[in-house]
C-alpha atoms as a PDB file:
ATOM      1  CA  UNK A   1      76.506 -37.950 -20.477  1.00  0.00           C
ATOM      2  CA  UNK A   2      73.476 -35.938 -21.691  1.00  0.00           C
ATOM      3  CA  UNK A   3      75.470 -34.451 -24.571  1.00  0.00           C
ATOM      4  CA  UNK A   4      76.416 -37.916 -25.837  1.00  0.00           C
ATOM      5  CA  UNK A   5      72.846 -39.184 -25.561  1.00  0.00           C
ATOM      6  CA  UNK A   6      71.755 -36.402 -27.938  1.00  0.00           C
ATOM      7  CA  UNK A   7      74.594 -36.991 -30.380  1.00  0.00           C
ATOM      8  CA  UNK A   8      72.380 -39.023 -32.714  1.00  0.00           C
ATOM      9  CA  UNK A   9      70.282 -35.899 -33.316  1.00  0.00           C
ATOM     10  CA  UNK A  10      73.267 -34.196 -34.917  1.00  0.00           C
ATOM     11  CA  UNK A  11      73.515 -37.072 -37.396  1.00  0.00           C
ATOM     12  CA  UNK A  12      69.820 -37.216 -38.317  1.00  0.00           C
ATOM     13  CA  UNK A  13      69.248 -35.492 -41.685  1.00  0.00           C
ATOM     14  CA  UNK A  14      65.670 -34.516 -40.942  1.00  0.00           C
ATOM     15  CA  UNK A  15      66.560 -33.004 -37.580  1.00  0.00           C
ATOM     16  CA  UNK A  16      69.497 -31.121 -39.089  1.00  0.00           C
ATOM     17  CA  UNK A  17      67.301 -29.814 -41.906  1.00  0.00           C
ATOM     18  CA  UNK A  18      64.625 -28.726 -39.415  1.00  0.00           C
ATOM     19  CA  UNK A  19      67.177 -26.918 -37.273  1.00  0.00           C
ATOM     20  CA  UNK A  20      68.735 -25.234 -40.297  1.00  0.00           C
ATOM     21  CA  UNK A  21      65.307 -24.103 -41.481  1.00  0.00           C
ATOM     22  CA  UNK A  22      64.533 -22.668 -38.057  1.00  0.00           C
ATOM     23  CA  UNK A  23      67.863 -20.845 -38.071  1.00  0.00           C
ATOM     24  CA  UNK A  24      67.163 -19.390 -41.519  1.00  0.00           C
ATOM     25  CA  UNK A  25      63.738 -18.219 -40.355  1.00  0.00           C
ATOM     26  CA  UNK A  26      65.277 -16.594 -37.285  1.00  0.00           C
ATOM     27  CA  UNK A  27      67.835 -14.752 -39.412  1.00  0.00           C
ATOM     28  CA  UNK A  28      65.151 -13.628 -41.847  1.00  0.00           C
ATOM     29  CA  UNK A  29      63.008 -12.508 -38.942  1.00  0.00           C
ATOM     30  CA  UNK A  30      65.811 -10.297 -37.652  1.00  0.00           C
ATOM     31  CA  UNK A  31      66.318  -8.909 -41.155  1.00  0.00           C
ATOM     32  CA  UNK A  32      62.618  -8.112 -41.396  1.00  0.00           C
ATOM     33  CA  UNK A  33      62.709  -6.404 -37.986  1.00  0.00           C
ATOM     34  CA  UNK A  34      65.522  -4.160 -39.214  1.00  0.00           C
ATOM     35  CA  UNK A  35      64.389  -3.402 -42.765  1.00  0.00           C
ATOM     36  CA  UNK A  36      60.560  -3.763 -42.824  1.00  0.00           C
ATOM     37  CA  UNK A  37      60.472  -4.133 -46.637  1.00  0.00           C
ATOM     38  CA  UNK A  38      57.404  -2.731 -48.374  1.00  0.00           C
ATOM     39  CA  UNK A  39      55.276  -5.460 -49.934  1.00  0.00           C
ATOM     40  CA  UNK A  40      51.788  -5.525 -51.471  1.00  0.00           C
ATOM     41  CA  UNK A  41      48.880  -6.672 -49.348  1.00  0.00           C
ATOM     42  CA  UNK A  42      48.160 -10.370 -50.002  1.00  0.00           C
ATOM     43  CA  UNK A  43      45.669 -12.095 -52.253  1.00  0.00           C
ATOM     44  CA  UNK A  44      43.409 -14.460 -50.332  1.00  0.00           C
ATOM     45  CA  UNK A  45      41.641 -17.374 -52.027  1.00  0.00           C
ATOM     46  CA  UNK A  46      38.542 -18.067 -49.926  1.00  0.00           C
ATOM     47  CA  UNK A  47      35.564 -20.378 -50.067  1.00  0.00           C
ATOM     48  CA  UNK A  48      33.883 -23.185 -48.215  1.00  0.00           C
ATOM     49  CA  UNK A  49      35.964 -26.335 -47.835  1.00  0.00           C
ATOM     50  CA  UNK A  50      35.540 -28.634 -50.858  1.00  0.00           C
ATOM     51  CA  UNK A  51      34.330 -25.756 -53.083  1.00  0.00           C
ATOM     52  CA  UNK A  52      37.247 -25.634 -55.524  1.00  0.00           C
ATOM     53  CA  UNK A  53      39.603 -23.411 -53.560  1.00  0.00           C
ATOM     54  CA  UNK A  54      42.561 -25.743 -54.118  1.00  0.00           C
ATOM     55  CA  UNK A  55      42.391 -25.848 -57.920  1.00  0.00           C
ATOM     56  CA  UNK A  56      41.816 -22.076 -57.966  1.00  0.00           C
ATOM     57  CA  UNK A  57      44.788 -21.485 -55.673  1.00  0.00           C
ATOM     58  CA  UNK A  58      47.081 -23.823 -57.599  1.00  0.00           C
ATOM     59  CA  UNK A  59      46.182 -22.157 -60.886  1.00  0.00           C
ATOM     60  CA  UNK A  60      46.912 -18.677 -59.545  1.00  0.00           C
ATOM     61  CA  UNK A  61      50.074 -19.909 -57.811  1.00  0.00           C
ATOM     62  CA  UNK A  62      51.382 -21.110 -61.182  1.00  0.00           C
ATOM     63  CA  UNK A  63      52.012 -17.440 -62.013  1.00  0.00           C
ATOM     64  CA  UNK A  64      55.468 -16.109 -61.221  1.00  0.00           C
ATOM     65  CA  UNK A  65      53.807 -12.980 -59.820  1.00  0.00           C
ATOM     66  CA  UNK A  66      53.013 -14.672 -56.511  1.00  0.00           C
ATOM     67  CA  UNK A  67      54.813 -16.169 -53.547  1.00  0.00           C
ATOM     68  CA  UNK A  68      52.885 -19.041 -51.963  1.00  0.00           C
ATOM     69  CA  UNK A  69      53.280 -21.805 -49.417  1.00  0.00           C
ATOM     70  CA  UNK A  70      51.603 -24.621 -51.325  1.00  0.00           C
ATOM     71  CA  UNK A  71      49.585 -25.537 -48.242  1.00  0.00           C
ATOM     72  CA  UNK A  72      47.139 -24.001 -45.784  1.00  0.00           C
ATOM     73  CA  UNK A  73      48.229 -22.239 -42.600  1.00  0.00           C
ATOM     74  CA  UNK A  74      45.225 -22.383 -40.212  1.00  0.00           C
ATOM     75  CA  UNK A  75      47.542 -22.878 -37.229  1.00  0.00           C
ATOM     76  CA  UNK A  76      49.113 -19.490 -37.855  1.00  0.00           C
ATOM     77  CA  UNK A  77      45.844 -17.595 -38.340  1.00  0.00           C
ATOM     78  CA  UNK A  78      44.273 -19.297 -35.314  1.00  0.00           C
ATOM     79  CA  UNK A  79      47.309 -18.387 -33.212  1.00  0.00           C
ATOM     80  CA  UNK A  80      46.410 -14.725 -33.763  1.00  0.00           C
ATOM     81  CA  UNK A  81      42.711 -15.227 -33.089  1.00  0.00           C
ATOM     82  CA  UNK A  82      41.087 -18.626 -32.769  1.00  0.00           C
ATOM     83  CA  UNK A  83      39.379 -21.142 -30.513  1.00  0.00           C
ATOM     84  CA  UNK A  84      42.287 -21.456 -28.107  1.00  0.00           C
ATOM     85  CA  UNK A  85      42.319 -17.719 -27.361  1.00  0.00           C
ATOM     86  CA  UNK A  86      38.698 -16.681 -27.982  1.00  0.00           C
ATOM     87  CA  UNK A  87      36.965 -19.069 -25.580  1.00  0.00           C
ATOM     88  CA  UNK A  88      36.251 -21.683 -28.243  1.00  0.00           C
ATOM     89  CA  UNK A  89      33.824 -19.341 -29.955  1.00  0.00           C
ATOM     90  CA  UNK A  90      34.806 -20.413 -33.486  1.00  0.00           C
ATOM     91  CA  UNK A  91      37.516 -20.032 -36.119  1.00  0.00           C
ATOM     92  CA  UNK A  92      35.795 -16.905 -37.443  1.00  0.00           C
ATOM     93  CA  UNK A  93      37.198 -13.430 -36.853  1.00  0.00           C
ATOM     94  CA  UNK A  94      35.555 -10.060 -37.329  1.00  0.00           C
ATOM     95  CA  UNK A  95      37.101  -6.672 -37.936  1.00  0.00           C
ATOM     96  CA  UNK A  96      37.030  -5.932 -34.207  1.00  0.00           C
ATOM     97  CA  UNK A  97      39.490  -8.786 -33.602  1.00  0.00           C
ATOM     98  CA  UNK A  98      42.114  -7.228 -35.884  1.00  0.00           C
ATOM     99  CA  UNK A  99      45.072  -5.640 -34.122  1.00  0.00           C
ATOM    100  CA  UNK A 100      48.095  -3.834 -35.598  1.00  0.00           C
ATOM    101  CA  UNK A 101      50.384  -6.474 -34.143  1.00  0.00           C
ATOM    102  CA  UNK A 102      48.504  -9.132 -36.118  1.00  0.00           C
ATOM    103  CA  UNK A 103      49.434  -7.427 -39.378  1.00  0.00           C
ATOM    104  CA  UNK A 104      53.019  -7.190 -38.200  1.00  0.00           C
ATOM    105  CA  UNK A 105      53.068 -10.866 -37.223  1.00  0.00           C
ATOM    106  CA  UNK A 106      51.603 -11.947 -40.578  1.00  0.00           C
ATOM    107  CA  UNK A 107      54.012  -9.898 -42.682  1.00  0.00           C
ATOM    108  CA  UNK A 108      56.952 -11.161 -40.630  1.00  0.00           C
ATOM    109  CA  UNK A 109      55.733 -14.762 -40.934  1.00  0.00           C
ATOM    110  CA  UNK A 110      55.398 -14.428 -44.714  1.00  0.00           C
ATOM    111  CA  UNK A 111      58.806 -12.800 -45.092  1.00  0.00           C
ATOM    112  CA  UNK A 112      60.553 -15.402 -42.957  1.00  0.00           C
ATOM    113  CA  UNK A 113      59.248 -18.279 -45.062  1.00  0.00           C
ATOM    114  CA  UNK A 114      58.698 -16.794 -48.510  1.00  0.00           C
ATOM    115  CA  UNK A 115      60.787 -13.636 -48.783  1.00  0.00           C
ATOM    116  CA  UNK A 116      59.637 -10.215 -49.946  1.00  0.00           C
ATOM    117  CA  UNK A 117      56.879 -10.219 -52.558  1.00  0.00           C
ATOM    118  CA  UNK A 118      53.176 -10.569 -53.296  1.00  0.00           C
ATOM    119  CA  UNK A 119      51.778 -13.388 -51.167  1.00  0.00           C
ATOM    120  CA  UNK A 120      48.964 -15.662 -52.301  1.00  0.00           C
ATOM    121  CA  UNK A 121      47.281 -17.498 -49.415  1.00  0.00           C
ATOM    122  CA  UNK A 122      44.629 -20.196 -49.430  1.00  0.00           C
ATOM    123  CA  UNK A 123      43.410 -21.173 -45.977  1.00  0.00           C
ATOM    124  CA  UNK A 124      39.770 -22.244 -45.909  1.00  0.00           C
ATOM    125  CA  UNK A 125      38.990 -20.853 -42.445  1.00  0.00           C
ATOM    126  CA  UNK A 126      39.655 -17.397 -43.887  1.00  0.00           C
ATOM    127  CA  UNK A 127      36.274 -17.488 -45.615  1.00  0.00           C
ATOM    128  CA  UNK A 128      34.990 -16.687 -42.096  1.00  0.00           C
ATOM    129  CA  UNK A 129      37.624 -14.009 -41.477  1.00  0.00           C
ATOM    130  CA  UNK A 130      37.277 -11.641 -44.435  1.00  0.00           C
ATOM    131  CA  UNK A 131      36.382  -8.498 -42.394  1.00  0.00           C
ATOM    132  CA  UNK A 132      39.324  -9.267 -40.110  1.00  0.00           C
ATOM    133  CA  UNK A 133      41.732  -9.672 -43.038  1.00  0.00           C
ATOM    134  CA  UNK A 134      40.384  -6.572 -44.761  1.00  0.00           C
ATOM    135  CA  UNK A 135      41.003  -4.547 -41.599  1.00  0.00           C
ATOM    136  CA  UNK A 136      44.576  -5.885 -41.397  1.00  0.00           C
ATOM    137  CA  UNK A 137      45.228  -5.535 -45.133  1.00  0.00           C
ATOM    138  CA  UNK A 138      43.024  -2.759 -46.596  1.00  0.00           C
ATOM    139  CA  UNK A 139      44.385  -3.317 -50.114  1.00  0.00           C
ATOM    140  CA  UNK A 140      44.123  -7.114 -50.045  1.00  0.00           C
ATOM    141  CA  UNK A 141      42.333  -8.895 -52.895  1.00  0.00           C
ATOM    142  CA  UNK A 142      39.856 -11.686 -52.242  1.00  0.00           C
ATOM    143  CA  UNK A 143      39.178 -14.464 -54.742  1.00  0.00           C
ATOM    144  CA  UNK A 144      35.964 -16.125 -53.583  1.00  0.00           C
ATOM    145  CA  UNK A 145      34.701 -19.332 -55.157  1.00  0.00           C
ATOM    146  CA  UNK A 146      31.238 -20.756 -54.588  1.00  0.00           C
ATOM    147  CA  UNK A 147      29.864 -24.225 -55.340  1.00  0.00           C
ATOM    148  CA  UNK A 148      26.391 -25.706 -55.647  1.00  0.00           C
ATOM    149  CA  UNK A 149      25.446 -26.539 -52.069  1.00  0.00           C
ATOM    150  CA  UNK A 150      24.310 -30.045 -52.908  1.00  0.00           C
ATOM    151  CA  UNK A 151      27.636 -31.055 -54.419  1.00  0.00           C
ATOM    152  CA  UNK A 152      29.609 -29.131 -51.826  1.00  0.00           C
ATOM    153  CA  UNK A 153      27.803 -30.724 -48.885  1.00  0.00           C
ATOM    154  CA  UNK A 154      28.080 -34.206 -50.405  1.00  0.00           C
ATOM    155  CA  UNK A 155      31.831 -33.741 -50.877  1.00  0.00           C
ATOM    156  CA  UNK A 156      32.202 -32.525 -47.298  1.00  0.00           C
ATOM    157  CA  UNK A 157      30.319 -35.572 -46.034  1.00  0.00           C
ATOM    158  CA  UNK A 158      32.777 -37.786 -47.908  1.00  0.00           C
ATOM    159  CA  UNK A 159      35.630 -35.800 -46.387  1.00  0.00           C
ATOM    160  CA  UNK A 160      34.296 -36.225 -42.863  1.00  0.00           C
ATOM    161  CA  UNK A 161      34.130 -39.980 -43.431  1.00  0.00           C
ATOM    162  CA  UNK A 162      37.262 -40.882 -45.368  1.00  0.00           C
ATOM    163  CA  UNK A 163      39.623 -37.941 -44.938  1.00  0.00           C
ATOM    164  CA  UNK A 164      42.194 -37.366 -47.656  1.00  0.00           C
ATOM    165  CA  UNK A 165      45.120 -39.218 -49.138  1.00  0.00           C
ATOM    166  CA  UNK A 166      47.692 -37.277 -47.096  1.00  0.00           C
ATOM    167  CA  UNK A 167      45.827 -36.927 -43.826  1.00  0.00           C
ATOM    168  CA  UNK A 168      42.490 -36.206 -42.259  1.00  0.00           C
ATOM    169  CA  UNK A 169      40.401 -33.146 -41.525  1.00  0.00           C
ATOM    170  CA  UNK A 170      39.736 -33.580 -37.789  1.00  0.00           C
ATOM    171  CA  UNK A 171      40.462 -30.470 -35.759  1.00  0.00           C
ATOM    172  CA  UNK A 172      41.923 -32.122 -32.669  1.00  0.00           C
ATOM    173  CA  UNK A 173      45.259 -32.154 -34.499  1.00  0.00           C
ATOM    174  CA  UNK A 174      45.277 -28.366 -34.081  1.00  0.00           C
ATOM    175  CA  UNK A 175      43.305 -27.812 -30.876  1.00  0.00           C
ATOM    176  CA  UNK A 176      43.561 -30.960 -28.802  1.00  0.00           C
ATOM    177  CA  UNK A 177      40.514 -32.096 -26.846  1.00  0.00           C
ATOM    178  CA  UNK A 178      37.269 -30.210 -27.384  1.00  0.00           C
ATOM    179  CA  UNK A 179      35.778 -28.428 -24.364  1.00  0.00           C
ATOM    180  CA  UNK A 180      32.579 -30.476 -24.445  1.00  0.00           C
ATOM    181  CA  UNK A 181      31.415 -33.842 -25.830  1.00  0.00           C
ATOM    182  CA  UNK A 182      30.774 -34.140 -29.561  1.00  0.00           C
ATOM    183  CA  UNK A 183      28.549 -36.947 -30.829  1.00  0.00           C
ATOM    184  CA  UNK A 184      27.691 -36.069 -34.420  1.00  0.00           C
ATOM    185  CA  UNK A 185      25.678 -38.598 -36.441  1.00  0.00           C
ATOM    186  CA  UNK A 186      24.628 -40.585 -33.370  1.00  0.00           C
ATOM    187  CA  UNK A 187      28.149 -40.660 -32.012  1.00  0.00           C
ATOM    188  CA  UNK A 188      29.923 -41.673 -35.234  1.00  0.00           C
ATOM    189  CA  UNK A 189      32.069 -38.535 -34.992  1.00  0.00           C
ATOM    190  CA  UNK A 190      33.587 -37.464 -31.675  1.00  0.00           C
ATOM    191  CA  UNK A 191      35.114 -34.230 -32.995  1.00  0.00           C
ATOM    192  CA  UNK A 192      34.647 -31.660 -35.735  1.00  0.00           C
ATOM    193  CA  UNK A 193      36.285 -31.693 -39.158  1.00  0.00           C
ATOM    194  CA  UNK A 194      37.122 -28.920 -41.655  1.00  0.00           C
ATOM    195  CA  UNK A 195      36.293 -25.797 -39.610  1.00  0.00           C
ATOM    196  CA  UNK A 196      34.395 -24.435 -36.619  1.00  0.00           C
ATOM    197  CA  UNK A 197      31.780 -21.855 -37.552  1.00  0.00           C
ATOM    198  CA  UNK A 198      29.987 -19.637 -35.018  1.00  0.00           C
ATOM    199  CA  UNK A 199      27.230 -21.655 -33.366  1.00  0.00           C
ATOM    200  CA  UNK A 200      28.979 -25.008 -33.808  1.00  0.00           C
ATOM    201  CA  UNK A 201      27.926 -26.228 -30.361  1.00  0.00           C
ATOM    202  CA  UNK A 202      24.286 -26.322 -31.487  1.00  0.00           C
ATOM    203  CA  UNK A 203      25.222 -29.065 -33.971  1.00  0.00           C
ATOM    204  CA  UNK A 204      27.286 -31.280 -31.663  1.00  0.00           C
ATOM    205  CA  UNK A 205      24.563 -33.953 -31.782  1.00  0.00           C
ATOM    206  CA  UNK A 206      23.161 -33.328 -35.272  1.00  0.00           C
ATOM    207  CA  UNK A 207      23.251 -35.610 -38.292  1.00  0.00           C
ATOM    208  CA  UNK A 208      26.295 -35.402 -40.543  1.00  0.00           C
ATOM    209  CA  UNK A 209      24.307 -33.868 -43.397  1.00  0.00           C
ATOM    210  CA  UNK A 210      22.937 -31.170 -41.063  1.00  0.00           C
ATOM    211  CA  UNK A 211      26.449 -30.367 -39.838  1.00  0.00           C
ATOM    212  CA  UNK A 212      27.810 -30.062 -43.384  1.00  0.00           C
ATOM    213  CA  UNK A 213      24.817 -27.946 -44.431  1.00  0.00           C
ATOM    214  CA  UNK A 214      25.465 -25.686 -41.430  1.00  0.00           C
ATOM    215  CA  UNK A 215      29.117 -25.356 -42.446  1.00  0.00           C
ATOM    216  CA  UNK A 216      28.237 -24.592 -46.086  1.00  0.00           C
ATOM    217  CA  UNK A 217      25.647 -21.979 -45.115  1.00  0.00           C
ATOM    218  CA  UNK A 218      27.962 -20.389 -42.539  1.00  0.00           C
ATOM    219  CA  UNK A 219      30.937 -20.100 -44.894  1.00  0.00           C
ATOM    220  CA  UNK A 220      29.023 -18.697 -47.848  1.00  0.00           C
ATOM    221  CA  UNK A 221      26.742 -16.401 -45.838  1.00  0.00           C
ATOM    222  CA  UNK A 222      29.711 -14.869 -44.019  1.00  0.00           C
ATOM    223  CA  UNK A 223      31.578 -14.364 -47.300  1.00  0.00           C
ATOM    224  CA  UNK A 224      28.611 -12.737 -49.037  1.00  0.00           C
ATOM    225  CA  UNK A 225      28.010 -10.436 -46.061  1.00  0.00           C
ATOM    226  CA  UNK A 226      31.686  -9.484 -45.981  1.00  0.00           C
ATOM    227  CA  UNK A 227      31.655  -8.778 -49.718  1.00  0.00           C
ATOM    228  CA  UNK A 228      29.430  -5.750 -49.118  1.00  0.00           C
ATOM    229  CA  UNK A 229      32.292  -3.899 -47.418  1.00  0.00           C
ATOM    230  CA  UNK A 230      35.021  -4.848 -49.906  1.00  0.00           C
ATOM    231  CA  UNK A 231      35.700  -2.475 -52.839  1.00  0.00           C
ATOM    232  CA  UNK A 232      34.554  -4.124 -56.079  1.00  0.00           C
ATOM    233  CA  UNK A 233      38.055  -3.948 -57.576  1.00  0.00           C
ATOM    234  CA  UNK A 234      39.346  -6.062 -54.689  1.00  0.00           C
ATOM    235  CA  UNK A 235      36.743  -8.836 -54.938  1.00  0.00           C
ATOM    236  CA  UNK A 236      36.825 -11.638 -57.524  1.00  0.00           C
ATOM    237  CA  UNK A 237      33.764 -13.896 -57.507  1.00  0.00           C
ATOM    238  CA  UNK A 238      33.942 -17.334 -59.139  1.00  0.00           C
ATOM    239  CA  UNK A 239      31.713 -20.359 -59.612  1.00  0.00           C
ATOM    240  CA  UNK A 240      33.110 -23.866 -59.264  1.00  0.00           C
ATOM    241  CA  UNK A 241      30.911 -25.052 -62.111  1.00  0.00           C
ATOM    242  CA  UNK A 242      32.741 -22.763 -64.558  1.00  0.00           C
ATOM    243  CA  UNK A 243      35.903 -24.815 -64.013  1.00  0.00           C
ATOM    244  CA  UNK A 244      34.233 -27.544 -66.079  1.00  0.00           C
ATOM    245  CA  UNK A 245      32.460 -25.339 -68.616  1.00  0.00           C
ATOM    246  CA  UNK A 246      34.753 -22.367 -69.319  1.00  0.00           C
ATOM    247  CA  UNK A 247      38.049 -22.602 -67.425  1.00  0.00           C
ATOM    248  CA  UNK A 248      40.124 -20.492 -69.834  1.00  0.00           C
ATOM    249  CA  UNK A 249      37.609 -17.653 -69.950  1.00  0.00           C
ATOM    250  CA  UNK A 250      37.083 -17.794 -66.209  1.00  0.00           C
ATOM    251  CA  UNK A 251      40.755 -17.627 -65.291  1.00  0.00           C
ATOM    252  CA  UNK A 252      41.587 -15.089 -67.986  1.00  0.00           C
ATOM    253  CA  UNK A 253      39.118 -12.748 -66.285  1.00  0.00           C
ATOM    254  CA  UNK A 254      40.582 -13.527 -62.850  1.00  0.00           C
ATOM    255  CA  UNK A 255      44.145 -12.746 -63.914  1.00  0.00           C
ATOM    256  CA  UNK A 256      42.954  -9.590 -65.660  1.00  0.00           C
ATOM    257  CA  UNK A 257      41.192  -8.362 -62.526  1.00  0.00           C
ATOM    258  CA  UNK A 258      44.303  -9.078 -60.470  1.00  0.00           C
ATOM    259  CA  UNK A 259      46.385  -7.316 -63.149  1.00  0.00           C
ATOM    260  CA  UNK A 260      48.595 -10.359 -63.559  1.00  0.00           C
ATOM    261  CA  UNK A 261      49.709 -11.508 -67.038  1.00  0.00           C
ATOM    262  CA  UNK A 262      47.745 -14.467 -68.393  1.00  0.00           C
ATOM    263  CA  UNK A 263      50.638 -16.086 -70.215  1.00  0.00           C
ATOM    264  CA  UNK A 264      50.421 -18.742 -72.914  1.00  0.00           C
ATOM    265  CA  UNK A 265      51.625 -21.292 -70.358  1.00  0.00           C
ATOM    266  CA  UNK A 266      48.829 -20.339 -67.964  1.00  0.00           C
ATOM    267  CA  UNK A 267      46.287 -20.448 -70.782  1.00  0.00           C
ATOM    268  CA  UNK A 268      47.470 -23.944 -71.757  1.00  0.00           C
ATOM    269  CA  UNK A 269      47.242 -25.039 -68.137  1.00  0.00           C
ATOM    270  CA  UNK A 270      43.672 -23.775 -67.867  1.00  0.00           C
ATOM    271  CA  UNK A 271      42.679 -25.375 -71.178  1.00  0.00           C
ATOM    272  CA  UNK A 272      43.641 -28.741 -69.719  1.00  0.00           C
ATOM    273  CA  UNK A 273      42.532 -28.067 -66.182  1.00  0.00           C
ATOM    274  CA  UNK A 274      41.709 -31.247 -64.323  1.00  0.00           C
ATOM    275  CA  UNK A 275      40.409 -30.563 -60.822  1.00  0.00           C
ATOM    276  CA  UNK A 276      41.664 -33.282 -58.507  1.00  0.00           C
ATOM    277  CA  UNK A 277      39.821 -34.608 -55.503  1.00  0.00           C
ATOM    278  CA  UNK A 278      41.672 -35.372 -52.291  1.00  0.00           C
ATOM    279  CA  UNK A 279      38.577 -37.116 -50.983  1.00  0.00           C
ATOM    280  CA  UNK A 280      36.583 -39.442 -53.227  1.00  0.00           C
ATOM    281  CA  UNK A 281      36.809 -39.818 -56.990  1.00  0.00           C
ATOM    282  CA  UNK A 282      36.949 -37.380 -59.881  1.00  0.00           C
ATOM    283  CA  UNK A 283      35.029 -34.125 -59.295  1.00  0.00           C
ATOM    284  CA  UNK A 284      32.029 -33.467 -61.517  1.00  0.00           C
ATOM    285  CA  UNK A 285      28.769 -31.552 -61.525  1.00  0.00           C
ATOM    286  CA  UNK A 286      25.825 -33.078 -59.664  1.00  0.00           C
ATOM    287  CA  UNK A 287      28.026 -35.749 -58.163  1.00  0.00           C
ATOM    288  CA  UNK A 288      25.753 -35.613 -55.124  1.00  0.00           C
ATOM    289  CA  UNK A 289      23.232 -37.744 -57.024  1.00  0.00           C
ATOM    290  CA  UNK A 290      25.737 -40.605 -56.854  1.00  0.00           C
ATOM    291  CA  UNK A 291      27.138 -39.775 -53.387  1.00  0.00           C
ATOM    292  CA  UNK A 292      24.795 -39.170 -50.450  1.00  0.00           C
ATOM    293  CA  UNK A 293      21.627 -38.376 -52.498  1.00  0.00           C
ATOM    294  CA  UNK A 294      19.119 -39.132 -49.731  1.00  0.00           C
ATOM    295  CA  UNK A 295      21.091 -37.189 -47.130  1.00  0.00           C
ATOM    296  CA  UNK A 296      21.405 -34.146 -49.402  1.00  0.00           C
ATOM    297  CA  UNK A 297      17.695 -34.279 -50.184  1.00  0.00           C
ATOM    298  CA  UNK A 298      16.968 -34.152 -46.455  1.00  0.00           C
ATOM    299  CA  UNK A 299      18.832 -30.863 -46.004  1.00  0.00           C
ATOM    300  CA  UNK A 300      17.669 -29.252 -49.254  1.00  0.00           C
ATOM    301  CA  UNK A 301      14.985 -27.160 -47.456  1.00  0.00           C
ATOM    302  CA  UNK A 302      17.739 -25.917 -45.135  1.00  0.00           C
ATOM    303  CA  UNK A 303      20.045 -24.754 -47.940  1.00  0.00           C
ATOM    304  CA  UNK A 304      17.505 -23.829 -50.655  1.00  0.00           C
ATOM    305  CA  UNK A 305      17.149 -20.094 -49.785  1.00  0.00           C
ATOM    306  CA  UNK A 306      20.906 -19.455 -49.991  1.00  0.00           C
ATOM    307  CA  UNK A 307      21.184 -21.704 -53.040  1.00  0.00           C
ATOM    308  CA  UNK A 308      18.680 -19.522 -54.890  1.00  0.00           C
ATOM    309  CA  UNK A 309      20.383 -16.341 -53.689  1.00  0.00           C
ATOM    310  CA  UNK A 310      23.649 -17.653 -55.135  1.00  0.00           C
ATOM    311  CA  UNK A 311      22.008 -18.357 -58.491  1.00  0.00           C
ATOM    312  CA  UNK A 312      21.396 -22.120 -58.341  1.00  0.00           C
ATOM    313  CA  UNK A 313      18.241 -23.882 -59.470  1.00  0.00           C
ATOM    314  CA  UNK A 314      17.246 -26.261 -56.698  1.00  0.00           C
ATOM    315  CA  UNK A 315      14.929 -28.157 -59.061  1.00  0.00           C
ATOM    316  CA  UNK A 316      17.538 -29.370 -61.569  1.00  0.00           C
END
């Protein structure tokens, strides 16, 4: 009998826990539909992949002021507007893509999984979606972190090659097969990793260092352009390098701008901040000279103008 064949599912702890979680989300969703609790617009940690967004997010999430997932949610954001419903254009989203129902869907999603409160989100594709998020959440705060392009690109190259300890960065896990052949680095890579920026098709047959330089330029250029339309009080701008040189001072200023208490526990955490790498070895400044130096040198002319604009000396 079909019912008996499925009996083992009732005894499986993981399946029972998954079903119970889904039931709880459904109940919370109905409660949200009925009550529509008022909550602050979120805080979004944004930056290019491998730029220090994780350590920034984890430090902010250590405050009791925020509700957070502890992981990224690109599947959710892409379900509202992404490659599978925008003709594979990219994972970027402009203000014109924002719809009232997207705000409703996001607030409901947050409430179902986190409850009512101030949500802190870190999803790297959102560095390309700031105008979209600002349209949906006019009072949202954005914490943007930048990193020296040479180190950032080198770290991304490592990520493309080795993935991370708990998984990999390839995008087929979210999108399935790509709509056209990808043969990056002479065919070494058959799909994209990290994120799809506008114009990605032009790099389907480029070298890995050119692809990572394109991603770094795209993410940071889009963020800096978006910054122009964000009220200054809602934009926090950080440098990855300060994590090594002045972490307490840097994060004290961040918490102050967000109007969140910088407690003694948070100060102690920042004083002993140890950025962790999910890719390859301990993070440090100018690590690119040990990882991928020749490749980074080849794309330096490509990234130098934006590097200088962002305050980096390309000669050091």
